[in-house]
Amino acid sequence: MAYEEMARHDYKRCKGCGRPTSETGPLSHIRLCERCGLERQTANNLQIHARSGPFYENRRLGIAMREFGPRVVQAMLQTGIIDGELVDATRTGT
């Protein structure tokens, strides 16, 4: 899918870099310019491949939630099996 197809023209500033759309062009549906979106995608892919980092922990949390349910995931967070601080680092209001 082309970047222009998923652009939102009602958003005014990039959430990643804070630049206005007059400088960045159209923003995605999660309010990121093309550069910030590609940076986030690259970081996500590298962390999942390396099996470390906040995006990887967030992915583990999602898989655990789907497979085991919220009660087991809450216990995993409390015991430190899943690093809650790293997961919270990915929750930037997207």
PDB file of N, CA and C in Angstrom:
ATOM      1  N   MET A   1       0.850  -1.174   0.000  1.00  0.00           N
ATOM      2  CA  MET A   1       0.000   0.000   0.000  1.00  0.00           C
ATOM      3  C   MET A   1       0.895   1.236   0.000  1.00  0.00           C
ATOM      4  N   ALA A   2       0.587   2.158  -0.852  1.00  0.00           N
ATOM      5  CA  ALA A   2       1.374   3.388  -0.946  1.00  0.00           C
ATOM      6  C   ALA A   2       1.114   4.264   0.274  1.00  0.00           C
ATOM      7  N   TYR A   3       2.152   5.007   0.658  1.00  0.00           N
ATOM      8  CA  TYR A   3       2.032   5.884   1.832  1.00  0.00           C
ATOM      9  C   TYR A   3       0.918   6.899   1.650  1.00  0.00           C
ATOM     10  N   GLU A   4       0.738   7.396   0.436  1.00  0.00           N
ATOM     11  CA  GLU A   4      -0.285   8.404   0.181  1.00  0.00           C
ATOM     12  C   GLU A   4      -1.691   7.851   0.401  1.00  0.00           C
ATOM     13  N   GLU A   5      -1.877   6.553   0.201  1.00  0.00           N
ATOM     14  CA  GLU A   5      -3.195   5.948   0.358  1.00  0.00           C
ATOM     15  C   GLU A   5      -3.645   5.913   1.806  1.00  0.00           C
ATOM     16  N   MET A   6      -2.719   5.836   2.745  1.00  0.00           N
ATOM     17  CA  MET A   6      -3.106   5.767   4.149  1.00  0.00           C
ATOM     18  C   MET A   6      -2.903   7.098   4.868  1.00  0.00           C
ATOM     19  N   ALA A   7      -2.683   8.154   4.128  1.00  0.00           N
ATOM     20  CA  ALA A   7      -2.435   9.462   4.741  1.00  0.00           C
ATOM     21  C   ALA A   7      -3.727  10.059   5.284  1.00  0.00           C
ATOM     22  N   ARG A   8      -3.571  10.837   6.346  1.00  0.00           N
ATOM     23  CA  ARG A   8      -4.682  11.592   6.924  1.00  0.00           C
ATOM     24  C   ARG A   8      -4.373  13.066   6.746  1.00  0.00           C
ATOM     25  N   HIS A   9      -5.235  13.775   6.056  1.00  0.00           N
ATOM     26  CA  HIS A   9      -4.973  15.175   5.756  1.00  0.00           C
ATOM     27  C   HIS A   9      -5.497  16.115   6.830  1.00  0.00           C
ATOM     28  N   ASP A  10      -6.235  15.595   7.816  1.00  0.00           N
ATOM     29  CA  ASP A  10      -6.750  16.451   8.880  1.00  0.00           C
ATOM     30  C   ASP A  10      -5.750  16.609  10.033  1.00  0.00           C
ATOM     31  N   TYR A  11      -4.694  15.816  10.077  1.00  0.00           N
ATOM     32  CA  TYR A  11      -3.676  15.962  11.110  1.00  0.00           C
ATOM     33  C   TYR A  11      -2.703  17.073  10.718  1.00  0.00           C
ATOM     34  N   LYS A  12      -2.231  17.843  11.689  1.00  0.00           N
ATOM     35  CA  LYS A  12      -1.418  19.028  11.400  1.00  0.00           C
ATOM     36  C   LYS A  12       0.055  18.893  11.768  1.00  0.00           C
ATOM     37  N   ARG A  13       0.406  18.047  12.768  1.00  0.00           N
ATOM     38  CA  ARG A  13       1.799  17.895  13.202  1.00  0.00           C
ATOM     39  C   ARG A  13       2.135  16.424  13.391  1.00  0.00           C
ATOM     40  N   CYS A  14       3.383  16.090  13.080  1.00  0.00           N
ATOM     41  CA  CYS A  14       3.875  14.730  13.284  1.00  0.00           C
ATOM     42  C   CYS A  14       4.048  14.489  14.779  1.00  0.00           C
ATOM     43  N   LYS A  15       3.578  13.346  15.245  1.00  0.00           N
ATOM     44  CA  LYS A  15       3.701  13.008  16.655  1.00  0.00           C
ATOM     45  C   LYS A  15       5.132  12.620  17.014  1.00  0.00           C
ATOM     46  N   GLY A  16       5.899  12.163  16.038  1.00  0.00           N
ATOM     47  CA  GLY A  16       7.275  11.747  16.296  1.00  0.00           C
ATOM     48  C   GLY A  16       8.244  12.907  16.393  1.00  0.00           C
ATOM     49  N   CYS A  17       8.248  13.761  15.380  1.00  0.00           N
ATOM     50  CA  CYS A  17       9.232  14.847  15.337  1.00  0.00           C
ATOM     51  C   CYS A  17       8.626  16.215  15.626  1.00  0.00           C
ATOM     52  N   GLY A  18       7.307  16.323  15.601  1.00  0.00           N
ATOM     53  CA  GLY A  18       6.647  17.587  15.916  1.00  0.00           C
ATOM     54  C   GLY A  18       6.613  18.588  14.774  1.00  0.00           C
ATOM     55  N   ARG A  19       7.120  18.201  13.601  1.00  0.00           N
ATOM     56  CA  ARG A  19       7.129  19.124  12.471  1.00  0.00           C
ATOM     57  C   ARG A  19       5.728  19.226  11.870  1.00  0.00           C
ATOM     58  N   PRO A  20       5.377  20.404  11.336  1.00  0.00           N
ATOM     59  CA  PRO A  20       4.049  20.568  10.717  1.00  0.00           C
ATOM     60  C   PRO A  20       3.971  19.858   9.366  1.00  0.00           C
ATOM     61  N   THR A  21       2.751  19.613   8.933  1.00  0.00           N
ATOM     62  CA  THR A  21       2.558  18.907   7.665  1.00  0.00           C
ATOM     63  C   THR A  21       3.061  19.717   6.475  1.00  0.00           C
ATOM     64  N   SER A  22       3.201  21.031   6.640  1.00  0.00           N
ATOM     65  CA  SER A  22       3.752  21.829   5.540  1.00  0.00           C
ATOM     66  C   SER A  22       5.208  21.454   5.262  1.00  0.00           C
ATOM     67  N   GLU A  23       5.915  20.928   6.273  1.00  0.00           N
ATOM     68  CA  GLU A  23       7.301  20.481   6.092  1.00  0.00           C
ATOM     69  C   GLU A  23       7.393  18.986   5.764  1.00  0.00           C
ATOM     70  N   THR A  24       6.507  18.192   6.349  1.00  0.00           N
ATOM     71  CA  THR A  24       6.634  16.741   6.244  1.00  0.00           C
ATOM     72  C   THR A  24       5.819  16.122   5.139  1.00  0.00           C
ATOM     73  N   GLY A  25       4.781  16.790   4.695  1.00  0.00           N
ATOM     74  CA  GLY A  25       3.843  16.164   3.774  1.00  0.00           C
ATOM     75  C   GLY A  25       2.747  15.484   4.571  1.00  0.00           C
ATOM     76  N   PRO A  26       1.981  14.596   3.973  1.00  0.00           N
ATOM     77  CA  PRO A  26       0.861  13.968   4.678  1.00  0.00           C
ATOM     78  C   PRO A  26       1.332  13.063   5.814  1.00  0.00           C
ATOM     79  N   LEU A  27       0.470  12.931   6.841  1.00  0.00           N
ATOM     80  CA  LEU A  27       0.757  12.085   7.998  1.00  0.00           C
ATOM     81  C   LEU A  27      -0.056  10.801   7.912  1.00  0.00           C
ATOM     82  N   SER A  28       0.453   9.753   8.524  1.00  0.00           N
ATOM     83  CA  SER A  28      -0.249   8.473   8.540  1.00  0.00           C
ATOM     84  C   SER A  28      -1.413   8.527   9.521  1.00  0.00           C
ATOM     85  N   HIS A  29      -2.162   7.443   9.603  1.00  0.00           N
ATOM     86  CA  HIS A  29      -3.310   7.391  10.501  1.00  0.00           C
ATOM     87  C   HIS A  29      -2.900   7.413  11.970  1.00  0.00           C
ATOM     88  N   ILE A  30      -1.627   7.180  12.281  1.00  0.00           N
ATOM     89  CA  ILE A  30      -1.167   7.298  13.672  1.00  0.00           C
ATOM     90  C   ILE A  30      -0.336   8.558  13.877  1.00  0.00           C
ATOM     91  N   ARG A  31      -0.521   9.527  12.999  1.00  0.00           N
ATOM     92  CA  ARG A  31       0.072  10.860  13.073  1.00  0.00           C
ATOM     93  C   ARG A  31       1.594  10.880  12.980  1.00  0.00           C
ATOM     94  N   LEU A  32       2.151  10.056  12.115  1.00  0.00           N
ATOM     95  CA  LEU A  32       3.592  10.061  11.888  1.00  0.00           C
ATOM     96  C   LEU A  32       3.877  10.459  10.453  1.00  0.00           C
ATOM     97  N   CYS A  33       4.943  11.257  10.276  1.00  0.00           N
ATOM     98  CA  CYS A  33       5.390  11.571   8.916  1.00  0.00           C
ATOM     99  C   CYS A  33       6.066  10.327   8.348  1.00  0.00           C
ATOM    100  N   GLU A  34       6.369  10.367   7.078  1.00  0.00           N
ATOM    101  CA  GLU A  34       6.955   9.198   6.427  1.00  0.00           C
ATOM    102  C   GLU A  34       8.293   8.822   7.064  1.00  0.00           C
ATOM    103  N   ARG A  35       9.129   9.819   7.372  1.00  0.00           N
ATOM    104  CA  ARG A  35      10.445   9.543   7.960  1.00  0.00           C
ATOM    105  C   ARG A  35      10.308   8.886   9.336  1.00  0.00           C
ATOM    106  N   CYS A  36       9.452   9.446  10.205  1.00  0.00           N
ATOM    107  CA  CYS A  36       9.276   8.877  11.546  1.00  0.00           C
ATOM    108  C   CYS A  36       8.640   7.495  11.482  1.00  0.00           C
ATOM    109  N   GLY A  37       7.710   7.302  10.552  1.00  0.00           N
ATOM    110  CA  GLY A  37       7.091   5.994  10.387  1.00  0.00           C
ATOM    111  C   GLY A  37       8.095   4.932   9.980  1.00  0.00           C
ATOM    112  N   LEU A  38       8.975   5.282   9.044  1.00  0.00           N
ATOM    113  CA  LEU A  38       9.999   4.327   8.619  1.00  0.00           C
ATOM    114  C   LEU A  38      11.015   4.060   9.727  1.00  0.00           C
ATOM    115  N   GLU A  39      11.370   5.096  10.502  1.00  0.00           N
ATOM    116  CA  GLU A  39      12.282   4.900  11.632  1.00  0.00           C
ATOM    117  C   GLU A  39      11.673   3.952  12.657  1.00  0.00           C
ATOM    118  N   ARG A  40      10.386   4.155  12.959  1.00  0.00           N
ATOM    119  CA  ARG A  40       9.721   3.288  13.930  1.00  0.00           C
ATOM    120  C   ARG A  40       9.624   1.859  13.410  1.00  0.00           C
ATOM    121  N   GLN A  41       9.302   1.702  12.137  1.00  0.00           N
ATOM    122  CA  GLN A  41       9.209   0.364  11.554  1.00  0.00           C
ATOM    123  C   GLN A  41      10.560  -0.344  11.576  1.00  0.00           C
ATOM    124  N   THR A  42      11.622   0.377  11.244  1.00  0.00           N
ATOM    125  CA  THR A  42      12.964  -0.205  11.256  1.00  0.00           C
ATOM    126  C   THR A  42      13.369  -0.617  12.668  1.00  0.00           C
ATOM    127  N   ALA A  43      13.130   0.263  13.656  1.00  0.00           N
ATOM    128  CA  ALA A  43      13.455  -0.065  15.045  1.00  0.00           C
ATOM    129  C   ALA A  43      12.669  -1.281  15.502  1.00  0.00           C
ATOM    130  N   ASN A  44      11.397  -1.351  15.138  1.00  0.00           N
ATOM    131  CA  ASN A  44      10.560  -2.484  15.505  1.00  0.00           C
ATOM    132  C   ASN A  44      11.116  -3.776  14.928  1.00  0.00           C
ATOM    133  N   ASN A  45      11.438  -3.770  13.643  1.00  0.00           N
ATOM    134  CA  ASN A  45      11.965  -4.980  12.998  1.00  0.00           C
ATOM    135  C   ASN A  45      13.298  -5.419  13.597  1.00  0.00           C
ATOM    136  N   LEU A  46      14.186  -4.461  13.859  1.00  0.00           N
ATOM    137  CA  LEU A  46      15.494  -4.806  14.429  1.00  0.00           C
ATOM    138  C   LEU A  46      15.361  -5.382  15.833  1.00  0.00           C
ATOM    139  N   GLN A  47      14.470  -4.810  16.654  1.00  0.00           N
ATOM    140  CA  GLN A  47      14.290  -5.302  18.019  1.00  0.00           C
ATOM    141  C   GLN A  47      13.658  -6.684  18.032  1.00  0.00           C
ATOM    142  N   ILE A  48      12.707  -6.918  17.152  1.00  0.00           N
ATOM    143  CA  ILE A  48      12.093  -8.248  17.097  1.00  0.00           C
ATOM    144  C   ILE A  48      13.130  -9.271  16.631  1.00  0.00           C
ATOM    145  N   HIS A  49      13.955  -8.907  15.669  1.00  0.00           N
ATOM    146  CA  HIS A  49      15.000  -9.816  15.201  1.00  0.00           C
ATOM    147  C   HIS A  49      16.035 -10.093  16.303  1.00  0.00           C
ATOM    148  N   ALA A  50      16.398  -9.054  17.076  1.00  0.00           N
ATOM    149  CA  ALA A  50      17.398  -9.211  18.138  1.00  0.00           C
ATOM    150  C   ALA A  50      16.809  -9.805  19.413  1.00  0.00           C
ATOM    151  N   ARG A  51      15.497  -9.899  19.478  1.00  0.00           N
ATOM    152  CA  ARG A  51      14.786 -10.417  20.652  1.00  0.00           C
ATOM    153  C   ARG A  51      15.098  -9.638  21.922  1.00  0.00           C
ATOM    154  N   SER A  52      15.134  -8.325  21.781  1.00  0.00           N
ATOM    155  CA  SER A  52      15.305  -7.453  22.943  1.00  0.00           C
ATOM    156  C   SER A  52      14.776  -6.073  22.589  1.00  0.00           C
ATOM    157  N   GLY A  53      14.410  -5.312  23.613  1.00  0.00           N
ATOM    158  CA  GLY A  53      13.945  -3.956  23.398  1.00  0.00           C
ATOM    159  C   GLY A  53      12.454  -3.819  23.652  1.00  0.00           C
ATOM    160  N   PRO A  54      11.970  -2.573  23.729  1.00  0.00           N
ATOM    161  CA  PRO A  54      10.564  -2.336  24.075  1.00  0.00           C
ATOM    162  C   PRO A  54       9.571  -2.864  23.042  1.00  0.00           C
ATOM    163  N   PHE A  55       9.876  -2.784  21.752  1.00  0.00           N
ATOM    164  CA  PHE A  55       8.934  -3.300  20.763  1.00  0.00           C
ATOM    165  C   PHE A  55       8.827  -4.819  20.847  1.00  0.00           C
ATOM    166  N   TYR A  56       9.955  -5.475  21.112  1.00  0.00           N
ATOM    167  CA  TYR A  56       9.931  -6.928  21.274  1.00  0.00           C
ATOM    168  C   TYR A  56       9.119  -7.322  22.507  1.00  0.00           C
ATOM    169  N   GLU A  57       9.325  -6.611  23.617  1.00  0.00           N
ATOM    170  CA  GLU A  57       8.562  -6.917  24.834  1.00  0.00           C
ATOM    171  C   GLU A  57       7.070  -6.663  24.624  1.00  0.00           C
ATOM    172  N   ASN A  58       6.737  -5.621  23.884  1.00  0.00           N
ATOM    173  CA  ASN A  58       5.341  -5.328  23.600  1.00  0.00           C
ATOM    174  C   ASN A  58       4.727  -6.451  22.753  1.00  0.00           C
ATOM    175  N   ARG A  59       5.497  -6.977  21.821  1.00  0.00           N
ATOM    176  CA  ARG A  59       5.030  -8.095  20.998  1.00  0.00           C
ATOM    177  C   ARG A  59       4.824  -9.342  21.851  1.00  0.00           C
ATOM    178  N   ARG A  60       5.769  -9.611  22.750  1.00  0.00           N
ATOM    179  CA  ARG A  60       5.620 -10.761  23.663  1.00  0.00           C
ATOM    180  C   ARG A  60       4.369 -10.623  24.521  1.00  0.00           C
ATOM    181  N   LEU A  61       4.117  -9.399  24.989  1.00  0.00           N
ATOM    182  CA  LEU A  61       2.932  -9.155  25.804  1.00  0.00           C
ATOM    183  C   LEU A  61       1.665  -9.435  24.998  1.00  0.00           C
ATOM    184  N   GLY A  62       1.617  -8.976  23.762  1.00  0.00           N
ATOM    185  CA  GLY A  62       0.450  -9.218  22.915  1.00  0.00           C
ATOM    186  C   GLY A  62       0.219 -10.693  22.650  1.00  0.00           C
ATOM    187  N   ILE A  63       1.288 -11.425  22.390  1.00  0.00           N
ATOM    188  CA  ILE A  63       1.167 -12.862  22.147  1.00  0.00           C
ATOM    189  C   ILE A  63       0.696 -13.568  23.411  1.00  0.00           C
ATOM    190  N   ALA A  64       1.262 -13.201  24.555  1.00  0.00           N
ATOM    191  CA  ALA A  64       0.862 -13.819  25.820  1.00  0.00           C
ATOM    192  C   ALA A  64      -0.599 -13.497  26.140  1.00  0.00           C
ATOM    193  N   MET A  65      -1.019 -12.277  25.875  1.00  0.00           N
ATOM    194  CA  MET A  65      -2.401 -11.891  26.134  1.00  0.00           C
ATOM    195  C   MET A  65      -3.351 -12.726  25.280  1.00  0.00           C
ATOM    196  N   ARG A  66      -2.995 -12.920  24.024  1.00  0.00           N
ATOM    197  CA  ARG A  66      -3.843 -13.691  23.126  1.00  0.00           C
ATOM    198  C   ARG A  66      -3.870 -15.175  23.517  1.00  0.00           C
ATOM    199  N   GLU A  67      -2.712 -15.713  23.900  1.00  0.00           N
ATOM    200  CA  GLU A  67      -2.623 -17.145  24.176  1.00  0.00           C
ATOM    201  C   GLU A  67      -3.110 -17.530  25.579  1.00  0.00           C
ATOM    202  N   PHE A  68      -2.815 -16.690  26.581  1.00  0.00           N
ATOM    203  CA  PHE A  68      -3.069 -17.081  27.968  1.00  0.00           C
ATOM    204  C   PHE A  68      -4.145 -16.266  28.671  1.00  0.00           C
ATOM    205  N   GLY A  69      -4.429 -15.072  28.204  1.00  0.00           N
ATOM    206  CA  GLY A  69      -5.447 -14.238  28.828  1.00  0.00           C
ATOM    207  C   GLY A  69      -4.853 -13.231  29.796  1.00  0.00           C
ATOM    208  N   PRO A  70      -5.673 -12.256  30.200  1.00  0.00           N
ATOM    209  CA  PRO A  70      -5.167 -11.134  31.000  1.00  0.00           C
ATOM    210  C   PRO A  70      -4.682 -11.512  32.401  1.00  0.00           C
ATOM    211  N   ARG A  71      -5.294 -12.500  33.028  1.00  0.00           N
ATOM    212  CA  ARG A  71      -4.867 -12.854  34.396  1.00  0.00           C
ATOM    213  C   ARG A  71      -3.459 -13.432  34.408  1.00  0.00           C
ATOM    214  N   VAL A  72      -3.175 -14.297  33.491  1.00  0.00           N
ATOM    215  CA  VAL A  72      -1.841 -14.900  33.418  1.00  0.00           C
ATOM    216  C   VAL A  72      -0.815 -13.838  33.030  1.00  0.00           C
ATOM    217  N   VAL A  73      -1.172 -12.953  32.105  1.00  0.00           N
ATOM    218  CA  VAL A  73      -0.253 -11.906  31.686  1.00  0.00           C
ATOM    219  C   VAL A  73       0.040 -10.958  32.845  1.00  0.00           C
ATOM    220  N   GLN A  74      -0.980 -10.623  33.630  1.00  0.00           N
ATOM    221  CA  GLN A  74      -0.757  -9.772  34.800  1.00  0.00           C
ATOM    222  C   GLN A  74       0.223 -10.437  35.765  1.00  0.00           C
ATOM    223  N   ALA A  75       0.102 -11.738  35.970  1.00  0.00           N
ATOM    224  CA  ALA A  75       1.034 -12.467  36.829  1.00  0.00           C
ATOM    225  C   ALA A  75       2.443 -12.455  36.228  1.00  0.00           C
ATOM    226  N   MET A  76       2.537 -12.571  34.908  1.00  0.00           N
ATOM    227  CA  MET A  76       3.844 -12.536  34.250  1.00  0.00           C
ATOM    228  C   MET A  76       4.499 -11.166  34.407  1.00  0.00           C
ATOM    229  N   LEU A  77       3.709 -10.112  34.329  1.00  0.00           N
ATOM    230  CA  LEU A  77       4.240  -8.764  34.532  1.00  0.00           C
ATOM    231  C   LEU A  77       4.699  -8.580  35.980  1.00  0.00           C
ATOM    232  N   GLN A  78       3.918  -9.071  36.929  1.00  0.00           N
ATOM    233  CA  GLN A  78       4.256  -8.915  38.347  1.00  0.00           C
ATOM    234  C   GLN A  78       5.505  -9.695  38.734  1.00  0.00           C
ATOM    235  N   THR A  79       5.705 -10.850  38.122  1.00  0.00           N
ATOM    236  CA  THR A  79       6.878 -11.662  38.462  1.00  0.00           C
ATOM    237  C   THR A  79       8.113 -11.276  37.652  1.00  0.00           C
ATOM    238  N   GLY A  80       7.946 -10.434  36.644  1.00  0.00           N
ATOM    239  CA  GLY A  80       9.091  -9.980  35.864  1.00  0.00           C
ATOM    240  C   GLY A  80       9.419 -10.828  34.661  1.00  0.00           C
ATOM    241  N   ILE A  81       8.565 -11.789  34.329  1.00  0.00           N
ATOM    242  CA  ILE A  81       8.802 -12.595  33.135  1.00  0.00           C
ATOM    243  C   ILE A  81       8.733 -11.713  31.898  1.00  0.00           C
ATOM    244  N   ILE A  82       7.794 -10.781  31.899  1.00  0.00           N
ATOM    245  CA  ILE A  82       7.701  -9.761  30.853  1.00  0.00           C
ATOM    246  C   ILE A  82       8.049  -8.437  31.500  1.00  0.00           C
ATOM    247  N   ASP A  83       8.951  -7.690  30.893  1.00  0.00           N
ATOM    248  CA  ASP A  83       9.416  -6.417  31.452  1.00  0.00           C
ATOM    249  C   ASP A  83       8.383  -5.321  31.200  1.00  0.00           C
ATOM    250  N   GLY A  84       7.641  -4.974  32.247  1.00  0.00           N
ATOM    251  CA  GLY A  84       6.581  -3.976  32.125  1.00  0.00           C
ATOM    252  C   GLY A  84       7.079  -2.593  31.793  1.00  0.00           C
ATOM    253  N   GLU A  85       8.265  -2.229  32.277  1.00  0.00           N
ATOM    254  CA  GLU A  85       8.805  -0.900  31.985  1.00  0.00           C
ATOM    255  C   GLU A  85       9.136  -0.758  30.504  1.00  0.00           C
ATOM    256  N   LEU A  86       9.679  -1.795  29.897  1.00  0.00           N
ATOM    257  CA  LEU A  86       9.968  -1.726  28.462  1.00  0.00           C
ATOM    258  C   LEU A  86       8.679  -1.685  27.649  1.00  0.00           C
ATOM    259  N   VAL A  87       7.671  -2.434  28.089  1.00  0.00           N
ATOM    260  CA  VAL A  87       6.391  -2.417  27.373  1.00  0.00           C
ATOM    261  C   VAL A  87       5.789  -1.014  27.456  1.00  0.00           C
ATOM    262  N   ASP A  88       5.841  -0.389  28.621  1.00  0.00           N
ATOM    263  CA  ASP A  88       5.305   0.955  28.783  1.00  0.00           C
ATOM    264  C   ASP A  88       6.048   1.967  27.916  1.00  0.00           C
ATOM    265  N   ALA A  89       7.314   1.715  27.606  1.00  0.00           N
ATOM    266  CA  ALA A  89       8.092   2.634  26.782  1.00  0.00           C
ATOM    267  C   ALA A  89       7.559   2.711  25.358  1.00  0.00           C
ATOM    268  N   THR A  90       6.865   1.662  24.907  1.00  0.00           N
ATOM    269  CA  THR A  90       6.312   1.683  23.550  1.00  0.00           C
ATOM    270  C   THR A  90       4.948   2.349  23.515  1.00  0.00           C
ATOM    271  N   ARG A  91       4.334   2.552  24.630  1.00  0.00           N
ATOM    272  CA  ARG A  91       2.983   3.139  24.670  1.00  0.00           C
ATOM    273  C   ARG A  91       3.080   4.655  24.701  1.00  0.00           C
ATOM    274  N   THR A  92       3.260   5.216  23.527  1.00  0.00           N
ATOM    275  CA  THR A  92       3.435   6.661  23.416  1.00  0.00           C
ATOM    276  C   THR A  92       2.190   7.331  22.885  1.00  0.00           C
ATOM    277  N   GLY A  93       1.052   6.752  23.120  1.00  0.00           N
ATOM    278  CA  GLY A  93      -0.188   7.353  22.681  1.00  0.00           C
ATOM    279  C   GLY A  93      -0.571   7.034  21.242  1.00  0.00           C
ATOM    280  N   THR A  94      -0.002   5.947  20.709  1.00  0.00           N
ATOM    281  CA  THR A  94      -0.344   5.615  19.336  1.00  0.00           C
ATOM    282  C   THR A  94      -1.682   4.931  19.263  1.00  0.00           C
TER     283      THR A  94
END
